[in-house]
């Protein structure tokens, strides 16, 4: 359910950015520029970026290096995925901690030509890190479960594990025969 809410927010933010930039361009051409449009578009884009990054993480769509992953046996791919998730969680924790500090550094600063506190822009960073930290934790639990009971995951893999379980789509039947031990 949260994934649909998050996706809805991302779609609304993208739509708002497009409409705002379009309206600003039309009004600027007509001689009535909106001086705050770029500032608001940047604020919305900061939030869209972190929400979309979490969506991509949830779906397993982030860029990754397949050259090593494709050479590993399934059990080792799962172990490597778990290890990389733990490293990523550590990084997201650092980003969240320092991001929250960044939000409080300059409370009087405003967003360009608006009266909106700049903290709304910087808050996107720790908020996104916390979202991704939660997503990575959920995924790590599922990978750990897969390592303990691999048959369940092979039958119906979650989206983020699909690329790990079938790194080479041309040899998907090879996966069924591959031994986990």
Protein backbone atom coordinates (compact mmCIF):
# COMPACT_ATOMS: atom_id res chain seq x y z
CA UNK A 1 0.00 0.00 0.00
CA UNK A 2 2.78 2.42 0.89
CA UNK A 3 4.36 1.81 -2.53
CA UNK A 4 1.17 3.01 -4.28
CA UNK A 5 0.98 6.10 -2.05
CA UNK A 6 4.64 6.84 -2.73
CA UNK A 7 4.12 6.37 -6.48
CA UNK A 8 1.06 8.65 -6.36
CA UNK A 9 3.07 11.35 -4.61
CA UNK A 10 5.84 11.02 -7.21
CA UNK A 11 3.35 11.31 -10.07
CA UNK A 12 1.74 14.38 -8.47
CA UNK A 13 5.11 16.03 -7.92
CA UNK A 14 6.17 15.38 -11.51
CA UNK A 15 2.85 16.69 -12.80
CA UNK A 16 3.12 19.80 -10.62
CA UNK A 17 6.65 20.47 -11.89
CA UNK A 18 5.59 20.11 -15.53
CA UNK A 19 2.54 22.33 -15.07
CA UNK A 20 4.48 24.94 -13.12
CA UNK A 21 7.27 25.15 -15.70
CA UNK A 22 4.74 25.23 -18.56
CA UNK A 23 2.68 27.96 -16.87
CA UNK A 24 5.82 29.98 -16.10
CA UNK A 25 6.97 29.75 -19.74
CA UNK A 26 3.57 30.78 -21.08
CA UNK A 27 3.25 33.70 -18.67
CA UNK A 28 6.85 34.81 -19.28
CA UNK A 29 6.12 34.85 -23.03
CA UNK A 30 2.98 36.90 -22.34
CA UNK A 31 5.03 39.40 -20.34
CA UNK A 32 3.99 38.27 -16.86
CA UNK A 33 6.90 36.27 -15.45
CA UNK A 34 6.47 34.22 -12.28
CA UNK A 35 9.71 34.89 -10.44
CA UNK A 36 9.25 32.10 -7.90
CA UNK A 37 8.49 29.31 -10.39
CA UNK A 38 12.07 28.02 -10.69
CA UNK A 39 12.51 27.97 -6.90
CA UNK A 40 9.32 25.99 -6.36
CA UNK A 41 10.15 23.65 -9.25
CA UNK A 42 13.55 22.95 -7.67
CA UNK A 43 11.92 22.27 -4.29
CA UNK A 44 9.46 19.84 -5.87
CA UNK A 45 12.24 18.21 -7.89
CA UNK A 46 14.34 17.60 -4.76
CA UNK A 47 11.45 15.69 -3.20
CA UNK A 48 10.59 13.92 -6.45
CA UNK A 49 14.19 12.73 -6.76
CA UNK A 50 14.35 11.05 -3.37
CA UNK A 51 10.89 9.52 -3.65
CA UNK A 52 11.64 8.21 -7.15
CA UNK A 53 15.01 6.88 -5.95
CA UNK A 54 13.23 4.88 -3.27
CA UNK A 55 10.73 3.61 -5.85
CA UNK A 56 13.63 2.46 -8.05
CA UNK A 57 15.27 0.80 -5.06
CA UNK A 58 12.05 -0.99 -4.18
CA UNK A 59 11.78 -2.35 -7.74
CA UNK A 60 15.45 -3.27 -8.03
CA UNK A 61 15.96 -0.73 -10.82
CA UNK A 62 19.07 1.02 -9.55
CA UNK A 63 22.22 0.65 -11.60
CA UNK A 64 24.41 -2.21 -10.52
CA UNK A 65 27.44 -4.08 -11.72
CA UNK A 66 26.25 -7.36 -13.24
CA UNK A 67 29.61 -8.60 -14.45
CA UNK A 68 30.43 -10.06 -11.02
CA UNK A 69 26.86 -11.00 -10.08
CA UNK A 70 26.35 -13.05 -13.26
CA UNK A 71 29.37 -15.20 -12.48
CA UNK A 72 28.22 -16.18 -9.00
CA UNK A 73 26.07 -19.12 -7.99
CA UNK A 74 22.60 -18.23 -6.75
CA UNK A 75 23.44 -18.63 -3.06
CA UNK A 76 26.43 -16.31 -3.45
CA UNK A 77 24.37 -13.75 -5.39
CA UNK A 78 21.95 -13.68 -2.48
CA UNK A 79 24.78 -13.36 0.05
CA UNK A 80 26.36 -10.55 -1.95
CA UNK A 81 22.98 -8.79 -2.21
CA UNK A 82 22.59 -9.00 1.56
CA UNK A 83 26.11 -7.67 2.13
CA UNK A 84 25.57 -4.79 -0.30
CA UNK A 85 22.25 -3.98 1.38
CA UNK A 86 24.00 -3.79 4.75
CA UNK A 87 26.64 -1.45 3.33
CA UNK A 88 23.93 0.67 1.70
CA UNK A 89 21.99 0.83 4.97
CA UNK A 90 25.11 2.13 6.70
CA UNK A 91 25.49 4.81 4.04
CA UNK A 92 21.81 5.79 4.28
CA UNK A 93 22.14 6.06 8.06
CA UNK A 94 25.08 8.46 7.67
CA UNK A 95 23.19 10.50 5.05
CA UNK A 96 20.15 10.67 7.33
CA UNK A 97 22.12 11.79 10.39
CA UNK A 98 24.10 14.46 8.55
CA UNK A 99 21.03 15.41 6.50
CA UNK A 100 19.02 16.15 9.64
CA UNK A 101 21.94 18.27 10.87
CA UNK A 102 21.96 20.12 7.54
CA UNK A 103 18.27 20.94 7.89
CA UNK A 104 18.94 22.79 11.14
CA UNK A 105 22.12 24.62 10.12
CA UNK A 106 20.56 27.68 8.52
CA UNK A 107 16.94 28.06 9.63
CA UNK A 108 16.65 31.69 8.50
CA UNK A 109 17.58 31.01 4.88
CA UNK A 110 14.68 31.18 2.46
CA UNK A 111 14.13 29.52 -0.88
CA UNK A 112 15.13 32.10 -3.50
CA UNK A 113 12.46 34.71 -4.01
CA UNK A 114 9.93 33.02 -1.71
CA UNK A 115 9.36 33.06 2.03
CA UNK A 116 9.54 29.25 2.17
CA UNK A 117 12.37 28.06 4.46
CA UNK A 118 15.21 26.42 2.55
CA UNK A 119 15.01 23.64 5.12
CA UNK A 120 12.14 22.20 3.04
CA UNK A 121 14.65 21.52 0.26
CA UNK A 122 17.36 20.11 2.51
CA UNK A 123 14.81 17.98 4.40
CA UNK A 124 14.35 15.91 1.24
CA UNK A 125 17.82 14.42 1.70
CA UNK A 126 17.36 12.85 5.16
CA UNK A 127 13.75 11.95 4.39
CA UNK A 128 14.84 10.08 1.27
CA UNK A 129 17.65 8.39 3.19
CA UNK A 130 15.18 7.19 5.83
CA UNK A 131 12.80 5.91 3.14
CA UNK A 132 15.63 4.01 1.47
CA UNK A 133 16.89 2.73 4.82
CA UNK A 134 13.45 1.25 5.54
CA UNK A 135 13.25 -0.23 2.03
CA UNK A 136 16.73 -1.75 2.35
CA UNK A 137 15.85 -3.20 5.74
CA UNK A 138 12.69 -4.80 4.33
CA UNK A 139 14.62 -6.18 1.38
CA UNK A 140 17.39 -7.51 3.60
CA UNK A 141 14.86 -9.39 5.71
CA UNK A 142 13.45 -10.96 2.53
CA UNK A 143 16.93 -11.88 1.26
CA UNK A 144 17.77 -13.40 4.64
CA UNK A 145 14.51 -15.36 4.48
CA UNK A 146 15.43 -16.47 0.97
CA UNK A 147 18.80 -17.71 2.20
CA UNK A 148 17.04 -19.77 4.88
CA UNK A 149 14.17 -21.03 2.67
CA UNK A 150 15.20 -20.55 -0.96
CA UNK A 151 12.36 -22.56 -2.48
CA UNK A 152 9.75 -19.95 -1.46
CA UNK A 153 11.56 -17.09 -3.17
CA UNK A 154 12.37 -19.04 -6.31
CA UNK A 155 8.67 -19.74 -6.80
CA UNK A 156 7.48 -16.13 -6.44
CA UNK A 157 10.41 -13.68 -6.20
CA UNK A 158 9.86 -10.07 -5.14
CA UNK A 159 10.54 -7.47 -7.84
CA UNK A 160 13.81 -6.26 -6.34
CA UNK A 161 15.23 -9.80 -6.37
CA UNK A 162 14.19 -10.69 -9.91
CA UNK A 163 17.43 -9.40 -11.43
CA UNK A 164 19.49 -11.20 -8.77
CA UNK A 165 17.67 -14.48 -9.25
CA UNK A 166 17.72 -14.33 -13.05
CA UNK A 167 20.73 -12.23 -14.02
CA UNK A 168 20.82 -13.68 -17.52
CA UNK A 169 17.34 -13.71 -19.02
CA UNK A 170 18.48 -15.98 -21.86
CA UNK A 171 19.30 -18.74 -19.43
CA UNK A 172 16.31 -18.61 -17.09
CA UNK A 173 15.89 -22.38 -17.16
CA UNK A 174 19.47 -22.67 -15.89
CA UNK A 175 18.28 -21.03 -12.66
CA UNK A 176 15.78 -23.81 -12.02
CA UNK A 177 18.55 -26.41 -12.25
CA UNK A 178 21.11 -24.46 -10.26
CA UNK A 179 21.98 -25.92 -6.89
CA UNK A 180 21.78 -23.73 -3.81
CA UNK A 181 24.21 -25.74 -1.71
